[in-house]
Amino acid sequence: MRKGLYLAGAVTGLAMVASAAPALADTADVVFYSGAGLSGVREVPETGTHDECLPTAQRNTSAVNYSANSILLYSGPNCTGSEFALGSLHQANTVYGGFVSYRVVQAF
C-alpha cells in the first residue's frame, strides 16, 4: 500500500515533479520534489515499520547526480530527523532502493 506525504508548516516554492515511480515495489513510495523554497526542509518518517535507510555518509556518494533544487525524501530506522538526500529519482531508486513514506515535519 502506498502512503502519502504530509506537510506541516510553511514551505514556499514547493512543486512536486514526480512521485511513486512505477519501477518501485508496491510497498514503496518515493516522492521527488523540486522548488526554490525547499532548502532546509527536515523529514521524519511516520510511525510503523520502515525499510532500512542508509546513513548520510553512504547515501551522499558520487553515484547520485546532485541538483541544488531537487530533494528526495525517504524514511527508515536510521532516518529519523535526518537530512534530506539530493539526486535524481531514478538513480536514487537504483542505488538505495526500499523507500517508504514520509512526513515533512519542519521547514526552517
Protein backbone atom coordinates (compact mmCIF):
# COMPACT_ATOMS: atom_id res chain seq x y z
CA MET A 1 0.00 0.00 0.00
CA ARG A 2 1.34 3.39 -0.94
CA LYS A 3 1.31 6.16 1.61
CA GLY A 4 1.19 9.89 1.10
CA LEU A 5 3.35 12.78 2.14
CA TYR A 6 2.09 15.18 4.79
CA LEU A 7 3.38 18.72 5.18
CA ALA A 8 3.44 20.74 8.39
CA GLY A 9 4.47 24.37 8.42
CA ALA A 10 5.09 26.80 5.60
CA VAL A 11 7.17 25.50 2.72
CA THR A 12 7.50 28.05 -0.05
CA GLY A 13 8.28 27.30 -3.66
CA LEU A 14 7.03 23.72 -3.37
CA ALA A 15 6.44 21.93 -6.64
CA MET A 16 6.01 18.17 -6.95
CA VAL A 17 7.57 16.98 -10.19
CA ALA A 18 7.26 13.20 -9.83
CA SER A 19 6.07 10.61 -7.34
CA ALA A 20 5.71 6.87 -6.82
CA ALA A 21 7.92 5.70 -9.67
CA PRO A 22 6.46 2.60 -11.39
CA ALA A 23 9.81 0.82 -11.06
CA LEU A 24 9.42 0.69 -7.29
CA ALA A 25 7.71 -2.13 -5.44
CA ASP A 26 4.05 -1.66 -4.49
CA THR A 27 5.02 -1.35 -0.85
CA ALA A 28 7.30 1.61 -1.56
CA ASP A 29 6.54 5.25 -2.11
CA VAL A 30 9.09 7.76 -3.36
CA VAL A 31 8.22 11.41 -3.64
CA PHE A 32 10.51 13.72 -5.59
CA TYR A 33 10.24 17.47 -5.08
CA SER A 34 11.82 20.46 -6.73
CA GLY A 35 11.46 24.08 -5.64
CA ALA A 36 13.47 27.08 -4.56
CA GLY A 37 11.85 27.13 -1.11
CA LEU A 38 12.78 23.58 -0.14
CA SER A 39 16.20 24.32 1.29
CA GLY A 40 16.32 23.34 4.95
CA VAL A 41 13.31 21.00 4.97
CA ARG A 42 13.57 18.21 7.55
CA GLU A 43 11.77 14.88 7.31
CA VAL A 44 10.80 12.37 9.95
CA PRO A 45 9.28 9.00 8.98
CA GLU A 46 5.79 8.06 10.01
CA THR A 47 5.48 5.62 12.89
CA GLY A 48 5.43 1.96 11.98
CA THR A 49 7.66 -0.39 10.02
CA HIS A 50 10.10 1.13 7.54
CA ASP A 51 12.72 -0.23 5.21
CA GLU A 52 16.36 0.32 6.06
CA CYS A 53 17.80 3.70 5.25
CA LEU A 54 21.47 4.31 4.56
CA PRO A 55 23.30 6.80 6.77
CA THR A 56 24.30 10.16 5.32
CA ALA A 57 27.90 9.16 4.64
CA GLN A 58 26.77 6.26 2.46
CA ARG A 59 23.98 7.96 0.58
CA ASN A 60 25.95 11.10 -0.29
CA THR A 61 28.10 9.43 -2.91
CA SER A 62 29.12 10.14 -6.48
CA ALA A 63 26.60 7.53 -7.62
CA VAL A 64 23.89 10.17 -7.29
CA ASN A 65 23.74 13.20 -9.58
CA TYR A 66 23.06 16.06 -7.21
CA SER A 67 20.93 19.05 -8.07
CA ALA A 68 20.61 22.18 -5.98
CA ASN A 69 16.83 22.37 -6.36
CA SER A 70 15.91 18.68 -6.13
CA ILE A 71 15.05 16.84 -2.94
CA LEU A 72 14.29 13.18 -2.43
CA LEU A 73 12.71 12.46 0.95
CA TYR A 74 12.81 8.93 2.31
CA SER A 75 12.43 7.12 5.60
CA GLY A 76 13.77 4.17 7.56
CA PRO A 77 15.01 3.19 11.03
CA ASN A 78 18.16 5.30 10.59
CA CYS A 79 16.41 8.33 9.13
CA THR A 80 14.53 9.98 11.99
CA GLY A 81 15.42 13.65 11.90
CA SER A 82 17.87 13.04 9.08
CA GLU A 83 18.87 15.46 6.38
CA PHE A 84 17.22 15.05 3.02
CA ALA A 85 19.03 13.43 0.10
CA LEU A 86 19.66 15.20 -3.17
CA GLY A 87 19.67 13.47 -6.51
CA SER A 88 17.59 12.08 -9.31
CA LEU A 89 14.61 9.84 -8.64
CA HIS A 90 15.82 7.07 -10.95
CA GLN A 91 19.36 6.94 -9.63
CA ALA A 92 18.26 7.13 -6.02
CA ASN A 93 15.92 4.20 -6.65
CA THR A 94 18.73 2.25 -8.28
CA VAL A 95 21.33 2.99 -5.63
CA TYR A 96 19.31 2.93 -2.45
CA GLY A 97 16.01 1.09 -3.06
CA GLY A 98 13.47 0.20 -0.37
CA PHE A 99 11.81 3.56 0.04
CA VAL A 100 8.62 4.02 2.01
CA SER A 101 6.55 7.01 3.06
CA TYR A 102 7.50 10.36 4.51
CA ARG A 103 6.18 13.19 6.62
CA VAL A 104 7.74 16.63 6.44
CA VAL A 105 7.51 17.99 9.96
CA GLN A 106 9.56 21.17 9.89
CA ALA A 107 10.65 23.85 7.47
CA PHE A 108 13.35 26.24 8.60
